[in-house]
């Protein structure tokens, strides 16, 4: 009888472990979910390549607790400025770095 209880307990533990593994998602899926929540919608108003800045009319930026507005951002990498032009609809990520708001990624909106 003791062996039966041990076998049932092990079965329950293994079944629970398998369930948890199948419902927590892979690390890659979790990273993609983070990226999605960190991306904000916006429209490019101005690209200032000389000063490495971009003006975006954007929706809420959740990771910065920022409401919708139009503002000027610095860019982490100058190459981001070459991806867009005024009027483009985009999805972008921004972070606060050294007291400035900086666009770290930008993509054409789908």
C-alpha atoms as a PDB file:
ATOM      1  CA  UNK A   1       0.000   0.000   0.000  1.00  0.00           C
ATOM      2  CA  UNK A   2       2.876   2.350   0.825  1.00  0.00           C
ATOM      3  CA  UNK A   3       4.327   1.823  -2.665  1.00  0.00           C
ATOM      4  CA  UNK A   4       0.951   2.663  -4.220  1.00  0.00           C
ATOM      5  CA  UNK A   5       0.837   5.990  -2.355  1.00  0.00           C
ATOM      6  CA  UNK A   6       4.392   6.790  -3.428  1.00  0.00           C
ATOM      7  CA  UNK A   7       3.588   5.948  -7.047  1.00  0.00           C
ATOM      8  CA  UNK A   8       0.448   8.108  -6.981  1.00  0.00           C
ATOM      9  CA  UNK A   9       2.340  11.000  -5.414  1.00  0.00           C
ATOM     10  CA  UNK A  10       5.102  10.784  -8.025  1.00  0.00           C
ATOM     11  CA  UNK A  11       2.534  10.617 -10.824  1.00  0.00           C
ATOM     12  CA  UNK A  12       0.773  13.716  -9.509  1.00  0.00           C
ATOM     13  CA  UNK A  13       4.045  15.623  -9.204  1.00  0.00           C
ATOM     14  CA  UNK A  14       5.141  14.674 -12.720  1.00  0.00           C
ATOM     15  CA  UNK A  15       1.755  15.596 -14.180  1.00  0.00           C
ATOM     16  CA  UNK A  16       1.861  18.980 -12.422  1.00  0.00           C
ATOM     17  CA  UNK A  17       5.374  19.622 -13.646  1.00  0.00           C
ATOM     18  CA  UNK A  18       4.425  18.758 -17.234  1.00  0.00           C
ATOM     19  CA  UNK A  19       1.386  21.067 -17.024  1.00  0.00           C
ATOM     20  CA  UNK A  20       3.460  23.951 -15.656  1.00  0.00           C
ATOM     21  CA  UNK A  21       6.100  23.517 -18.362  1.00  0.00           C
ATOM     22  CA  UNK A  22       3.514  23.550 -21.115  1.00  0.00           C
ATOM     23  CA  UNK A  23       1.746  26.658 -19.801  1.00  0.00           C
ATOM     24  CA  UNK A  24       4.557  28.991 -18.816  1.00  0.00           C
ATOM     25  CA  UNK A  25       5.766  29.620 -22.361  1.00  0.00           C
ATOM     26  CA  UNK A  26       9.231  29.457 -23.772  1.00  0.00           C
ATOM     27  CA  UNK A  27      11.795  32.132 -22.961  1.00  0.00           C
ATOM     28  CA  UNK A  28      11.631  33.331 -26.575  1.00  0.00           C
ATOM     29  CA  UNK A  29       7.840  33.682 -26.388  1.00  0.00           C
ATOM     30  CA  UNK A  30       8.181  35.599 -23.134  1.00  0.00           C
ATOM     31  CA  UNK A  31      10.777  37.930 -24.686  1.00  0.00           C
ATOM     32  CA  UNK A  32       8.443  38.580 -27.637  1.00  0.00           C
ATOM     33  CA  UNK A  33       5.590  39.339 -25.233  1.00  0.00           C
ATOM     34  CA  UNK A  34       7.834  41.816 -23.387  1.00  0.00           C
ATOM     35  CA  UNK A  35       8.787  43.461 -26.673  1.00  0.00           C
ATOM     36  CA  UNK A  36       5.152  43.794 -27.671  1.00  0.00           C
ATOM     37  CA  UNK A  37       4.212  45.462 -24.401  1.00  0.00           C
ATOM     38  CA  UNK A  38       7.226  47.776 -24.630  1.00  0.00           C
ATOM     39  CA  UNK A  39       6.368  48.903 -28.161  1.00  0.00           C
ATOM     40  CA  UNK A  40       4.250  52.008 -28.637  1.00  0.00           C
ATOM     41  CA  UNK A  41       2.350  53.214 -31.692  1.00  0.00           C
ATOM     42  CA  UNK A  42       3.275  56.495 -33.268  1.00  0.00           C
ATOM     43  CA  UNK A  43       3.506  58.709 -36.318  1.00  0.00           C
ATOM     44  CA  UNK A  44       6.759  60.364 -37.343  1.00  0.00           C
ATOM     45  CA  UNK A  45       6.431  64.148 -37.425  1.00  0.00           C
ATOM     46  CA  UNK A  46      10.066  65.115 -38.047  1.00  0.00           C
ATOM     47  CA  UNK A  47      13.431  63.434 -38.547  1.00  0.00           C
ATOM     48  CA  UNK A  48      16.388  65.612 -37.511  1.00  0.00           C
ATOM     49  CA  UNK A  49      19.515  63.775 -38.680  1.00  0.00           C
ATOM     50  CA  UNK A  50      21.844  66.699 -37.866  1.00  0.00           C
ATOM     51  CA  UNK A  51      20.909  66.596 -34.163  1.00  0.00           C
ATOM     52  CA  UNK A  52      20.153  62.851 -34.033  1.00  0.00           C
ATOM     53  CA  UNK A  53      16.568  63.447 -32.893  1.00  0.00           C
ATOM     54  CA  UNK A  54      13.128  62.343 -33.982  1.00  0.00           C
ATOM     55  CA  UNK A  55       9.723  63.862 -33.264  1.00  0.00           C
ATOM     56  CA  UNK A  56       6.933  61.324 -32.784  1.00  0.00           C
ATOM     57  CA  UNK A  57       3.223  61.787 -32.130  1.00  0.00           C
ATOM     58  CA  UNK A  58       2.691  58.688 -30.008  1.00  0.00           C
ATOM     59  CA  UNK A  59       0.158  56.727 -28.042  1.00  0.00           C
ATOM     60  CA  UNK A  60       0.709  55.627 -24.459  1.00  0.00           C
ATOM     61  CA  UNK A  61       4.228  54.391 -23.686  1.00  0.00           C
ATOM     62  CA  UNK A  62       3.493  51.916 -20.911  1.00  0.00           C
ATOM     63  CA  UNK A  63       7.051  51.173 -19.772  1.00  0.00           C
ATOM     64  CA  UNK A  64       7.634  54.911 -19.251  1.00  0.00           C
ATOM     65  CA  UNK A  65       4.167  55.521 -17.760  1.00  0.00           C
ATOM     66  CA  UNK A  66       3.726  58.235 -20.396  1.00  0.00           C
ATOM     67  CA  UNK A  67       0.383  59.358 -21.836  1.00  0.00           C
ATOM     68  CA  UNK A  68      -0.155  60.052 -25.545  1.00  0.00           C
ATOM     69  CA  UNK A  69       1.555  63.222 -26.822  1.00  0.00           C
ATOM     70  CA  UNK A  70       3.933  64.584 -29.429  1.00  0.00           C
ATOM     71  CA  UNK A  71       7.540  64.873 -28.331  1.00  0.00           C
ATOM     72  CA  UNK A  72      11.154  64.896 -29.440  1.00  0.00           C
ATOM     73  CA  UNK A  73      13.278  61.828 -28.687  1.00  0.00           C
ATOM     74  CA  UNK A  74      16.973  61.166 -28.996  1.00  0.00           C
ATOM     75  CA  UNK A  75      17.925  57.936 -30.776  1.00  0.00           C
ATOM     76  CA  UNK A  76      20.174  55.193 -29.451  1.00  0.00           C
ATOM     77  CA  UNK A  77      21.575  54.500 -32.919  1.00  0.00           C
ATOM     78  CA  UNK A  78      21.752  57.018 -35.794  1.00  0.00           C
ATOM     79  CA  UNK A  79      20.799  54.242 -38.219  1.00  0.00           C
ATOM     80  CA  UNK A  80      17.253  54.316 -36.804  1.00  0.00           C
ATOM     81  CA  UNK A  81      16.742  57.722 -38.413  1.00  0.00           C
ATOM     82  CA  UNK A  82      17.321  56.268 -41.880  1.00  0.00           C
ATOM     83  CA  UNK A  83      14.453  53.810 -41.458  1.00  0.00           C
ATOM     84  CA  UNK A  84      11.671  56.419 -41.317  1.00  0.00           C
ATOM     85  CA  UNK A  85      10.413  59.658 -42.782  1.00  0.00           C
ATOM     86  CA  UNK A  86       7.831  62.232 -41.785  1.00  0.00           C
ATOM     87  CA  UNK A  87       4.297  60.809 -41.947  1.00  0.00           C
ATOM     88  CA  UNK A  88       5.298  57.152 -41.401  1.00  0.00           C
ATOM     89  CA  UNK A  89       3.196  55.104 -38.986  1.00  0.00           C
ATOM     90  CA  UNK A  90       5.515  53.191 -36.662  1.00  0.00           C
ATOM     91  CA  UNK A  91       5.879  50.981 -33.604  1.00  0.00           C
ATOM     92  CA  UNK A  92       8.796  51.925 -31.415  1.00  0.00           C
ATOM     93  CA  UNK A  93      10.505  51.283 -28.099  1.00  0.00           C
ATOM     94  CA  UNK A  94      11.811  54.038 -25.879  1.00  0.00           C
ATOM     95  CA  UNK A  95      13.694  54.137 -22.603  1.00  0.00           C
ATOM     96  CA  UNK A  96      14.868  56.811 -20.212  1.00  0.00           C
ATOM     97  CA  UNK A  97      18.673  56.996 -20.375  1.00  0.00           C
ATOM     98  CA  UNK A  98      20.724  59.552 -18.516  1.00  0.00           C
ATOM     99  CA  UNK A  99      17.710  61.815 -18.035  1.00  0.00           C
ATOM    100  CA  UNK A 100      16.715  61.747 -21.718  1.00  0.00           C
ATOM    101  CA  UNK A 101      14.022  59.791 -23.525  1.00  0.00           C
ATOM    102  CA  UNK A 102      15.683  57.658 -26.178  1.00  0.00           C
ATOM    103  CA  UNK A 103      14.187  55.604 -29.014  1.00  0.00           C
ATOM    104  CA  UNK A 104      15.914  52.224 -28.928  1.00  0.00           C
ATOM    105  CA  UNK A 105      14.023  50.475 -31.768  1.00  0.00           C
ATOM    106  CA  UNK A 106      11.637  51.532 -34.505  1.00  0.00           C
ATOM    107  CA  UNK A 107       9.662  49.536 -37.078  1.00  0.00           C
ATOM    108  CA  UNK A 108       7.070  50.256 -39.711  1.00  0.00           C
ATOM    109  CA  UNK A 109       3.561  49.681 -38.328  1.00  0.00           C
ATOM    110  CA  UNK A 110       1.743  46.674 -39.751  1.00  0.00           C
END
